[in-house]
Amino acid sequence: MPQEVYGFLSIILTIVSIGLSWWSLQSLSFEKILKHPNGAQAKLLQILLSIVIGYEISRFFLDYLGWSLAFGNMFS
């Protein structure tokens, strides 16, 4: 896979994963965990959690893609 395609795929997959993790964190009830769930600090925590989770999810899929391509090259 060309480096430019892999870079573009990495950016798109990371942004989509962060968006999906943000969307899924909206269903989490922060009222039971935080003192002020509607405050700025709580929103910042949600943003940071979605970035960390989304990045890790995209890293997993990109690593899996890399391993699959490397495994496929073993037999060609």
PDB file of N, CA and C in Angstrom:
ATOM      1  N   MET A   1       0.853  -1.170   0.000  1.00  0.00           N
ATOM      2  CA  MET A   1       0.000   0.000   0.000  1.00  0.00           C
ATOM      3  C   MET A   1       0.902   1.237   0.000  1.00  0.00           C
ATOM      4  N   PRO A   2       0.638   2.176  -0.905  1.00  0.00           N
ATOM      5  CA  PRO A   2       1.461   3.400  -0.929  1.00  0.00           C
ATOM      6  C   PRO A   2       1.349   4.185   0.372  1.00  0.00           C
ATOM      7  N   GLN A   3       2.430   4.859   0.708  1.00  0.00           N
ATOM      8  CA  GLN A   3       2.507   5.606   1.966  1.00  0.00           C
ATOM      9  C   GLN A   3       1.450   6.704   2.043  1.00  0.00           C
ATOM     10  N   GLU A   4       1.146   7.350   0.900  1.00  0.00           N
ATOM     11  CA  GLU A   4       0.154   8.429   0.892  1.00  0.00           C
ATOM     12  C   GLU A   4      -1.241   7.889   1.212  1.00  0.00           C
ATOM     13  N   VAL A   5      -1.556   6.732   0.661  1.00  0.00           N
ATOM     14  CA  VAL A   5      -2.870   6.119   0.909  1.00  0.00           C
ATOM     15  C   VAL A   5      -2.981   5.707   2.373  1.00  0.00           C
ATOM     16  N   TYR A   6      -1.908   5.128   2.908  1.00  0.00           N
ATOM     17  CA  TYR A   6      -1.913   4.714   4.302  1.00  0.00           C
ATOM     18  C   TYR A   6      -2.065   5.919   5.239  1.00  0.00           C
ATOM     19  N   GLY A   7      -1.405   7.014   4.918  1.00  0.00           N
ATOM     20  CA  GLY A   7      -1.529   8.228   5.726  1.00  0.00           C
ATOM     21  C   GLY A   7      -2.931   8.795   5.689  1.00  0.00           C
ATOM     22  N   PHE A   8      -3.522   8.844   4.494  1.00  0.00           N
ATOM     23  CA  PHE A   8      -4.895   9.337   4.362  1.00  0.00           C
ATOM     24  C   PHE A   8      -5.868   8.432   5.095  1.00  0.00           C
ATOM     25  N   LEU A   9      -5.687   7.126   4.959  1.00  0.00           N
ATOM     26  CA  LEU A   9      -6.541   6.168   5.657  1.00  0.00           C
ATOM     27  C   LEU A   9      -6.399   6.315   7.165  1.00  0.00           C
ATOM     28  N   SER A  10      -5.197   6.568   7.646  1.00  0.00           N
ATOM     29  CA  SER A  10      -4.966   6.755   9.083  1.00  0.00           C
ATOM     30  C   SER A  10      -5.715   7.964   9.611  1.00  0.00           C
ATOM     31  N   ILE A  11      -5.657   9.071   8.876  1.00  0.00           N
ATOM     32  CA  ILE A  11      -6.347  10.289   9.308  1.00  0.00           C
ATOM     33  C   ILE A  11      -7.853  10.069   9.349  1.00  0.00           C
ATOM     34  N   ILE A  12      -8.394   9.516   8.271  1.00  0.00           N
ATOM     35  CA  ILE A  12      -9.846   9.309   8.195  1.00  0.00           C
ATOM     36  C   ILE A  12     -10.313   8.342   9.279  1.00  0.00           C
ATOM     37  N   LEU A  13      -9.605   7.228   9.437  1.00  0.00           N
ATOM     38  CA  LEU A  13     -10.001   6.235  10.435  1.00  0.00           C
ATOM     39  C   LEU A  13      -9.915   6.794  11.853  1.00  0.00           C
ATOM     40  N   THR A  14      -8.905   7.598  12.138  1.00  0.00           N
ATOM     41  CA  THR A  14      -8.765   8.184  13.472  1.00  0.00           C
ATOM     42  C   THR A  14      -9.890   9.169  13.757  1.00  0.00           C
ATOM     43  N   ILE A  15     -10.222  10.011  12.788  1.00  0.00           N
ATOM     44  CA  ILE A  15     -11.310  10.980  12.987  1.00  0.00           C
ATOM     45  C   ILE A  15     -12.642  10.265  13.168  1.00  0.00           C
ATOM     46  N   VAL A  16     -12.892   9.247  12.369  1.00  0.00           N
ATOM     47  CA  VAL A  16     -14.152   8.489  12.496  1.00  0.00           C
ATOM     48  C   VAL A  16     -14.208   7.779  13.846  1.00  0.00           C
ATOM     49  N   SER A  17     -13.097   7.205  14.270  1.00  0.00           N
ATOM     50  CA  SER A  17     -13.070   6.502  15.562  1.00  0.00           C
ATOM     51  C   SER A  17     -13.287   7.458  16.726  1.00  0.00           C
ATOM     52  N   ILE A  18     -12.711   8.647  16.660  1.00  0.00           N
ATOM     53  CA  ILE A  18     -12.928   9.638  17.717  1.00  0.00           C
ATOM     54  C   ILE A  18     -14.390  10.070  17.731  1.00  0.00           C
ATOM     55  N   GLY A  19     -14.971  10.272  16.558  1.00  0.00           N
ATOM     56  CA  GLY A  19     -16.387  10.636  16.482  1.00  0.00           C
ATOM     57  C   GLY A  19     -17.288   9.552  17.043  1.00  0.00           C
ATOM     58  N   LEU A  20     -16.995   8.305  16.720  1.00  0.00           N
ATOM     59  CA  LEU A  20     -17.802   7.201  17.252  1.00  0.00           C
ATOM     60  C   LEU A  20     -17.641   7.055  18.762  1.00  0.00           C
ATOM     61  N   SER A  21     -16.432   7.259  19.252  1.00  0.00           N
ATOM     62  CA  SER A  21     -16.259   7.158  20.702  1.00  0.00           C
ATOM     63  C   SER A  21     -16.945   8.321  21.417  1.00  0.00           C
ATOM     64  N   TRP A  22     -16.936   9.518  20.815  1.00  0.00           N
ATOM     65  CA  TRP A  22     -17.672  10.649  21.385  1.00  0.00           C
ATOM     66  C   TRP A  22     -19.166  10.326  21.432  1.00  0.00           C
ATOM     67  N   TRP A  23     -19.685   9.789  20.343  1.00  0.00           N
ATOM     68  CA  TRP A  23     -21.101   9.440  20.263  1.00  0.00           C
ATOM     69  C   TRP A  23     -21.451   8.385  21.314  1.00  0.00           C
ATOM     70  N   SER A  24     -20.588   7.390  21.477  1.00  0.00           N
ATOM     71  CA  SER A  24     -20.898   6.341  22.450  1.00  0.00           C
ATOM     72  C   SER A  24     -20.760   6.837  23.893  1.00  0.00           C
ATOM     73  N   LEU A  25     -19.861   7.793  24.136  1.00  0.00           N
ATOM     74  CA  LEU A  25     -19.722   8.338  25.492  1.00  0.00           C
ATOM     75  C   LEU A  25     -20.917   9.203  25.890  1.00  0.00           C
ATOM     76  N   GLN A  26     -21.704   9.644  24.927  1.00  0.00           N
ATOM     77  CA  GLN A  26     -22.888  10.444  25.248  1.00  0.00           C
ATOM     78  C   GLN A  26     -23.919   9.638  26.026  1.00  0.00           C
ATOM     79  N   SER A  27     -23.898   8.322  25.869  1.00  0.00           N
ATOM     80  CA  SER A  27     -24.867   7.492  26.587  1.00  0.00           C
ATOM     81  C   SER A  27     -24.414   7.147  28.004  1.00  0.00           C
ATOM     82  N   LEU A  28     -23.171   7.457  28.332  1.00  0.00           N
ATOM     83  CA  LEU A  28     -22.652   7.186  29.671  1.00  0.00           C
ATOM     84  C   LEU A  28     -23.193   8.223  30.650  1.00  0.00           C
ATOM     85  N   SER A  29     -23.631   7.752  31.788  1.00  0.00           N
ATOM     86  CA  SER A  29     -24.186   8.643  32.803  1.00  0.00           C
ATOM     87  C   SER A  29     -23.066   9.167  33.697  1.00  0.00           C
ATOM     88  N   PHE A  30     -22.639  10.398  33.421  1.00  0.00           N
ATOM     89  CA  PHE A  30     -21.569  11.006  34.199  1.00  0.00           C
ATOM     90  C   PHE A  30     -22.080  11.573  35.528  1.00  0.00           C
ATOM     91  N   GLU A  31     -23.390  11.642  35.714  1.00  0.00           N
ATOM     92  CA  GLU A  31     -23.952  12.190  36.943  1.00  0.00           C
ATOM     93  C   GLU A  31     -23.544  11.375  38.163  1.00  0.00           C
ATOM     94  N   LYS A  32     -23.345  10.077  37.962  1.00  0.00           N
ATOM     95  CA  LYS A  32     -23.000   9.202  39.081  1.00  0.00           C
ATOM     96  C   LYS A  32     -21.516   9.233  39.413  1.00  0.00           C
ATOM     97  N   ILE A  33     -20.714   9.760  38.497  1.00  0.00           N
ATOM     98  CA  ILE A  33     -19.267   9.724  38.663  1.00  0.00           C
ATOM     99  C   ILE A  33     -18.701  11.089  39.063  1.00  0.00           C
ATOM    100  N   LEU A  34     -19.205  12.150  38.436  1.00  0.00           N
ATOM    101  CA  LEU A  34     -18.639  13.484  38.599  1.00  0.00           C
ATOM    102  C   LEU A  34     -19.487  14.357  39.515  1.00  0.00           C
ATOM    103  N   LYS A  35     -18.845  15.337  40.138  1.00  0.00           N
ATOM    104  CA  LYS A  35     -19.561  16.271  41.007  1.00  0.00           C
ATOM    105  C   LYS A  35     -20.425  17.227  40.190  1.00  0.00           C
ATOM    106  N   HIS A  36     -19.860  17.771  39.114  1.00  0.00           N
ATOM    107  CA  HIS A  36     -20.564  18.721  38.252  1.00  0.00           C
ATOM    108  C   HIS A  36     -20.555  18.190  36.815  1.00  0.00           C
ATOM    109  N   PRO A  37     -21.497  17.308  36.488  1.00  0.00           N
ATOM    110  CA  PRO A  37     -21.455  16.647  35.174  1.00  0.00           C
ATOM    111  C   PRO A  37     -21.727  17.572  33.988  1.00  0.00           C
ATOM    112  N   ASN A  38     -22.276  18.738  34.210  1.00  0.00           N
ATOM    113  CA  ASN A  38     -22.561  19.652  33.104  1.00  0.00           C
ATOM    114  C   ASN A  38     -21.537  20.778  32.993  1.00  0.00           C
ATOM    115  N   GLY A  39     -20.492  20.726  33.792  1.00  0.00           N
ATOM    116  CA  GLY A  39     -19.483  21.775  33.794  1.00  0.00           C
ATOM    117  C   GLY A  39     -18.472  21.623  32.667  1.00  0.00           C
ATOM    118  N   ALA A  40     -17.623  22.610  32.562  1.00  0.00           N
ATOM    119  CA  ALA A  40     -16.603  22.630  31.510  1.00  0.00           C
ATOM    120  C   ALA A  40     -15.588  21.505  31.704  1.00  0.00           C
ATOM    121  N   GLN A  41     -15.255  21.214  32.948  1.00  0.00           N
ATOM    122  CA  GLN A  41     -14.290  20.147  33.209  1.00  0.00           C
ATOM    123  C   GLN A  41     -14.839  18.791  32.796  1.00  0.00           C
ATOM    124  N   ALA A  42     -16.134  18.571  33.000  1.00  0.00           N
ATOM    125  CA  ALA A  42     -16.747  17.309  32.593  1.00  0.00           C
ATOM    126  C   ALA A  42     -16.756  17.172  31.070  1.00  0.00           C
ATOM    127  N   LYS A  43     -17.024  18.259  30.363  1.00  0.00           N
ATOM    128  CA  LYS A  43     -17.009  18.216  28.893  1.00  0.00           C
ATOM    129  C   LYS A  43     -15.594  17.978  28.385  1.00  0.00           C
ATOM    130  N   LEU A  44     -14.607  18.606  29.032  1.00  0.00           N
ATOM    131  CA  LEU A  44     -13.221  18.385  28.645  1.00  0.00           C
ATOM    132  C   LEU A  44     -12.828  16.932  28.877  1.00  0.00           C
ATOM    133  N   LEU A  45     -13.283  16.355  29.977  1.00  0.00           N
ATOM    134  CA  LEU A  45     -13.019  14.947  30.253  1.00  0.00           C
ATOM    135  C   LEU A  45     -13.626  14.064  29.173  1.00  0.00           C
ATOM    136  N   GLN A  46     -14.849  14.373  28.745  1.00  0.00           N
ATOM    137  CA  GLN A  46     -15.487  13.610  27.675  1.00  0.00           C
ATOM    138  C   GLN A  46     -14.692  13.715  26.380  1.00  0.00           C
ATOM    139  N   ILE A  47     -14.226  14.903  26.063  1.00  0.00           N
ATOM    140  CA  ILE A  47     -13.439  15.100  24.847  1.00  0.00           C
ATOM    141  C   ILE A  47     -12.133  14.318  24.916  1.00  0.00           C
ATOM    142  N   LEU A  48     -11.441  14.421  26.045  1.00  0.00           N
ATOM    143  CA  LEU A  48     -10.176  13.707  26.183  1.00  0.00           C
ATOM    144  C   LEU A  48     -10.366  12.196  26.152  1.00  0.00           C
ATOM    145  N   LEU A  49     -11.411  11.706  26.805  1.00  0.00           N
ATOM    146  CA  LEU A  49     -11.698  10.273  26.767  1.00  0.00           C
ATOM    147  C   LEU A  49     -12.021   9.805  25.353  1.00  0.00           C
ATOM    148  N   SER A  50     -12.780  10.589  24.620  1.00  0.00           N
ATOM    149  CA  SER A  50     -13.119  10.189  23.255  1.00  0.00           C
ATOM    150  C   SER A  50     -11.886  10.193  22.356  1.00  0.00           C
ATOM    151  N   ILE A  51     -10.966  11.135  22.565  1.00  0.00           N
ATOM    152  CA  ILE A  51      -9.729  11.157  21.781  1.00  0.00           C
ATOM    153  C   ILE A  51      -8.874   9.934  22.091  1.00  0.00           C
ATOM    154  N   VAL A  52      -8.717   9.627  23.368  1.00  0.00           N
ATOM    155  CA  VAL A  52      -7.887   8.480  23.757  1.00  0.00           C
ATOM    156  C   VAL A  52      -8.494   7.178  23.258  1.00  0.00           C
ATOM    157  N   ILE A  53      -9.776   6.987  23.477  1.00  0.00           N
ATOM    158  CA  ILE A  53     -10.434   5.749  23.054  1.00  0.00           C
ATOM    159  C   ILE A  53     -10.439   5.642  21.534  1.00  0.00           C
ATOM    160  N   GLY A  54     -10.781   6.730  20.853  1.00  0.00           N
ATOM    161  CA  GLY A  54     -10.815   6.708  19.392  1.00  0.00           C
ATOM    162  C   GLY A  54      -9.457   6.452  18.778  1.00  0.00           C
ATOM    163  N   TYR A  55      -8.420   7.056  19.347  1.00  0.00           N
ATOM    164  CA  TYR A  55      -7.065   6.839  18.841  1.00  0.00           C
ATOM    165  C   TYR A  55      -6.656   5.382  19.010  1.00  0.00           C
ATOM    166  N   GLU A  56      -6.939   4.816  20.163  1.00  0.00           N
ATOM    167  CA  GLU A  56      -6.563   3.424  20.410  1.00  0.00           C
ATOM    168  C   GLU A  56      -7.329   2.463  19.493  1.00  0.00           C
ATOM    169  N   ILE A  57      -8.590   2.744  19.240  1.00  0.00           N
ATOM    170  CA  ILE A  57      -9.374   1.907  18.332  1.00  0.00           C
ATOM    171  C   ILE A  57      -8.805   1.986  16.925  1.00  0.00           C
ATOM    172  N   SER A  58      -8.507   3.195  16.452  1.00  0.00           N
ATOM    173  CA  SER A  58      -7.956   3.325  15.098  1.00  0.00           C
ATOM    174  C   SER A  58      -6.567   2.695  15.014  1.00  0.00           C
ATOM    175  N   ARG A  59      -5.771   2.820  16.069  1.00  0.00           N
ATOM    176  CA  ARG A  59      -4.441   2.207  16.082  1.00  0.00           C
ATOM    177  C   ARG A  59      -4.559   0.693  15.965  1.00  0.00           C
ATOM    178  N   PHE A  60      -5.546   0.107  16.649  1.00  0.00           N
ATOM    179  CA  PHE A  60      -5.758  -1.332  16.574  1.00  0.00           C
ATOM    180  C   PHE A  60      -6.059  -1.754  15.139  1.00  0.00           C
ATOM    181  N   PHE A  61      -6.990  -1.060  14.476  1.00  0.00           N
ATOM    182  CA  PHE A  61      -7.353  -1.441  13.118  1.00  0.00           C
ATOM    183  C   PHE A  61      -6.218  -1.186  12.132  1.00  0.00           C
ATOM    184  N   LEU A  62      -5.457  -0.123  12.318  1.00  0.00           N
ATOM    185  CA  LEU A  62      -4.322   0.139  11.430  1.00  0.00           C
ATOM    186  C   LEU A  62      -3.205  -0.881  11.647  1.00  0.00           C
ATOM    187  N   ASP A  63      -2.966  -1.267  12.884  1.00  0.00           N
ATOM    188  CA  ASP A  63      -1.992  -2.325  13.145  1.00  0.00           C
ATOM    189  C   ASP A  63      -2.446  -3.639  12.530  1.00  0.00           C
ATOM    190  N   TYR A  64      -3.728  -3.936  12.661  1.00  0.00           N
ATOM    191  CA  TYR A  64      -4.271  -5.157  12.081  1.00  0.00           C
ATOM    192  C   TYR A  64      -4.123  -5.144  10.562  1.00  0.00           C
ATOM    193  N   LEU A  65      -4.373  -3.995   9.941  1.00  0.00           N
ATOM    194  CA  LEU A  65      -4.185  -3.865   8.504  1.00  0.00           C
ATOM    195  C   LEU A  65      -2.725  -4.089   8.126  1.00  0.00           C
ATOM    196  N   GLY A  66      -1.822  -3.498   8.870  1.00  0.00           N
ATOM    197  CA  GLY A  66      -0.393  -3.686   8.609  1.00  0.00           C
ATOM    198  C   GLY A  66       0.039  -5.133   8.754  1.00  0.00           C
ATOM    199  N   TRP A  67      -0.449  -5.792   9.786  1.00  0.00           N
ATOM    200  CA  TRP A  67      -0.113  -7.199   9.984  1.00  0.00           C
ATOM    201  C   TRP A  67      -0.681  -8.057   8.865  1.00  0.00           C
ATOM    202  N   SER A  68      -1.896  -7.754   8.445  1.00  0.00           N
ATOM    203  CA  SER A  68      -2.516  -8.518   7.358  1.00  0.00           C
ATOM    204  C   SER A  68      -1.738  -8.355   6.059  1.00  0.00           C
ATOM    205  N   LEU A  69      -1.314  -7.130   5.764  1.00  0.00           N
ATOM    206  CA  LEU A  69      -0.546  -6.896   4.552  1.00  0.00           C
ATOM    207  C   LEU A  69       0.819  -7.584   4.631  1.00  0.00           C
ATOM    208  N   ALA A  70       1.447  -7.558   5.797  1.00  0.00           N
ATOM    209  CA  ALA A  70       2.729  -8.211   5.963  1.00  0.00           C
ATOM    210  C   ALA A  70       2.579  -9.720   5.841  1.00  0.00           C
ATOM    211  N   PHE A  71       1.508 -10.245   6.390  1.00  0.00           N
ATOM    212  CA  PHE A  71       1.256 -11.691   6.315  1.00  0.00           C
ATOM    213  C   PHE A  71       0.980 -12.096   4.872  1.00  0.00           C
ATOM    214  N   GLY A  72       0.253 -11.255   4.134  1.00  0.00           N
ATOM    215  CA  GLY A  72      -0.018 -11.546   2.722  1.00  0.00           C
ATOM    216  C   GLY A  72       1.228 -11.515   1.877  1.00  0.00           C
ATOM    217  N   ASN A  73       2.174 -10.643   2.216  1.00  0.00           N
ATOM    218  CA  ASN A  73       3.432 -10.566   1.465  1.00  0.00           C
ATOM    219  C   ASN A  73       4.332 -11.758   1.713  1.00  0.00           C
ATOM    220  N   MET A  74       4.090 -12.487   2.785  1.00  0.00           N
ATOM    221  CA  MET A  74       4.900 -13.652   3.097  1.00  0.00           C
ATOM    222  C   MET A  74       4.720 -14.753   2.066  1.00  0.00           C
ATOM    223  N   PHE A  75       3.543 -14.827   1.469  1.00  0.00           N
ATOM    224  CA  PHE A  75       3.229 -15.908   0.547  1.00  0.00           C
ATOM    225  C   PHE A  75       3.285 -15.509  -0.912  1.00  0.00           C
ATOM    226  N   SER A  76       3.683 -14.280  -1.203  1.00  0.00           N
ATOM    227  CA  SER A  76       3.742 -13.871  -2.609  1.00  0.00           C
ATOM    228  C   SER A  76       5.166 -13.841  -3.135  1.00  0.00           C
TER     229      SER A  76
END
